[in-house]
Amino acid sequence: MALTKLTTVQIRELTDAELRAKLEEFQKESFGLRFKAATEVLGNPMDVKTARRTVARLKTVLAERAAKVKAQ
């Protein structure tokens, strides 16, 4: 059930609503992967790292947009 990695370019093309939806999706996936890693063997252990980093990228872009709006 691994999600595909989103690049920063792809993330920046998304709207705020899409970003929030993707963030929720990746957070759920990250939780599931961490739980699965603790209870059984993962097919690809790097999926945990990829999901975590994608969540960070999504949060960064959302924070940048919020700061930009606040500055105006």
C-alpha atoms as a PDB file:
ATOM      1  CA  MET A   1       0.000   0.000   0.000  1.00  0.00           C
ATOM      2  CA  ALA A   2       2.975   2.286  -0.511  1.00  0.00           C
ATOM      3  CA  LEU A   3       2.157   5.742  -1.737  1.00  0.00           C
ATOM      4  CA  THR A   4       4.146   7.250  -4.540  1.00  0.00           C
ATOM      5  CA  LYS A   5       6.779   9.812  -3.607  1.00  0.00           C
ATOM      6  CA  LEU A   6       5.843  13.373  -4.445  1.00  0.00           C
ATOM      7  CA  THR A   7       8.585  15.713  -5.561  1.00  0.00           C
ATOM      8  CA  THR A   8       8.747  19.297  -4.360  1.00  0.00           C
ATOM      9  CA  VAL A   9       7.780  20.511  -7.831  1.00  0.00           C
ATOM     10  CA  GLN A  10       4.668  18.317  -7.811  1.00  0.00           C
ATOM     11  CA  ILE A  11       3.768  19.494  -4.303  1.00  0.00           C
ATOM     12  CA  ARG A  12       4.074  23.166  -5.212  1.00  0.00           C
ATOM     13  CA  GLU A  13       1.632  22.661  -8.116  1.00  0.00           C
ATOM     14  CA  LEU A  14      -1.129  21.502  -5.733  1.00  0.00           C
ATOM     15  CA  THR A  15      -3.772  23.810  -4.279  1.00  0.00           C
ATOM     16  CA  ASP A  16      -4.016  24.357  -0.527  1.00  0.00           C
ATOM     17  CA  ALA A  17      -6.986  21.984  -0.255  1.00  0.00           C
ATOM     18  CA  GLU A  18      -5.139  19.301  -2.209  1.00  0.00           C
ATOM     19  CA  LEU A  19      -2.069  19.802  -0.008  1.00  0.00           C
ATOM     20  CA  ARG A  20      -4.111  19.277   3.149  1.00  0.00           C
ATOM     21  CA  ALA A  21      -5.718  16.146   1.678  1.00  0.00           C
ATOM     22  CA  LYS A  22      -2.331  14.722   0.648  1.00  0.00           C
ATOM     23  CA  LEU A  23      -0.893  15.599   4.062  1.00  0.00           C
ATOM     24  CA  GLU A  24      -3.646  13.661   5.817  1.00  0.00           C
ATOM     25  CA  GLU A  25      -3.206  10.754   3.404  1.00  0.00           C
ATOM     26  CA  PHE A  26       0.556  10.580   3.939  1.00  0.00           C
ATOM     27  CA  GLN A  27       0.238  10.953   7.722  1.00  0.00           C
ATOM     28  CA  LYS A  28      -2.130   7.968   7.820  1.00  0.00           C
ATOM     29  CA  GLU A  29       0.217   6.007   5.582  1.00  0.00           C
ATOM     30  CA  SER A  30       3.203   6.922   7.748  1.00  0.00           C
ATOM     31  CA  PHE A  31       1.401   5.768  10.892  1.00  0.00           C
ATOM     32  CA  GLY A  32       0.403   2.507   9.232  1.00  0.00           C
ATOM     33  CA  LEU A  33       3.937   1.857   8.053  1.00  0.00           C
ATOM     34  CA  ARG A  34       5.427   2.568  11.491  1.00  0.00           C
ATOM     35  CA  PHE A  35       2.875   0.266  13.123  1.00  0.00           C
ATOM     36  CA  LYS A  36       3.530  -2.427  10.533  1.00  0.00           C
ATOM     37  CA  ALA A  37       7.304  -2.080  10.988  1.00  0.00           C
ATOM     38  CA  ALA A  38       6.906  -2.661  14.718  1.00  0.00           C
ATOM     39  CA  THR A  39       4.734  -5.748  14.319  1.00  0.00           C
ATOM     40  CA  GLU A  40       5.995  -7.443  11.163  1.00  0.00           C
ATOM     41  CA  VAL A  41       8.523  -7.257   8.370  1.00  0.00           C
ATOM     42  CA  LEU A  42       8.036  -4.528   5.800  1.00  0.00           C
ATOM     43  CA  GLY A  43       8.432  -5.260   2.124  1.00  0.00           C
ATOM     44  CA  ASN A  44      10.461  -2.076   1.690  1.00  0.00           C
ATOM     45  CA  PRO A  45      11.698  -0.425   4.900  1.00  0.00           C
ATOM     46  CA  MET A  46      12.514   2.758   2.963  1.00  0.00           C
ATOM     47  CA  ASP A  47       8.765   3.415   2.596  1.00  0.00           C
ATOM     48  CA  VAL A  48       8.740   4.701   6.197  1.00  0.00           C
ATOM     49  CA  LYS A  49      11.453   7.245   5.406  1.00  0.00           C
ATOM     50  CA  THR A  50       9.813   8.281   2.130  1.00  0.00           C
ATOM     51  CA  ALA A  51       6.424   8.846   3.772  1.00  0.00           C
ATOM     52  CA  ARG A  52       7.980  10.827   6.644  1.00  0.00           C
ATOM     53  CA  ARG A  53       9.933  13.077   4.294  1.00  0.00           C
ATOM     54  CA  THR A  54       6.921  13.649   2.047  1.00  0.00           C
ATOM     55  CA  VAL A  55       4.896  14.730   5.102  1.00  0.00           C
ATOM     56  CA  ALA A  56       7.686  17.187   5.946  1.00  0.00           C
ATOM     57  CA  ARG A  57       7.692  18.567   2.388  1.00  0.00           C
ATOM     58  CA  LEU A  58       3.920  19.054   2.460  1.00  0.00           C
ATOM     59  CA  LYS A  59       4.067  20.835   5.824  1.00  0.00           C
ATOM     60  CA  THR A  60       6.907  23.054   4.596  1.00  0.00           C
ATOM     61  CA  VAL A  61       5.000  24.197   1.515  1.00  0.00           C
ATOM     62  CA  LEU A  62       1.867  24.864   3.591  1.00  0.00           C
ATOM     63  CA  ALA A  63       3.915  26.890   6.102  1.00  0.00           C
ATOM     64  CA  GLU A  64       5.570  28.881   3.313  1.00  0.00           C
ATOM     65  CA  ARG A  65       2.189  29.734   1.834  1.00  0.00           C
ATOM     66  CA  ALA A  66       0.796  30.715   5.234  1.00  0.00           C
ATOM     67  CA  ALA A  67       3.798  32.982   5.883  1.00  0.00           C
ATOM     68  CA  LYS A  68       3.416  34.555   2.454  1.00  0.00           C
ATOM     69  CA  VAL A  69      -0.266  35.335   3.118  1.00  0.00           C
ATOM     70  CA  LYS A  70       0.519  36.684   6.584  1.00  0.00           C
ATOM     71  CA  ALA A  71       3.241  38.958   5.204  1.00  0.00           C
ATOM     72  CA  GLN A  72       0.860  40.605   2.764  1.00  0.00           C
END
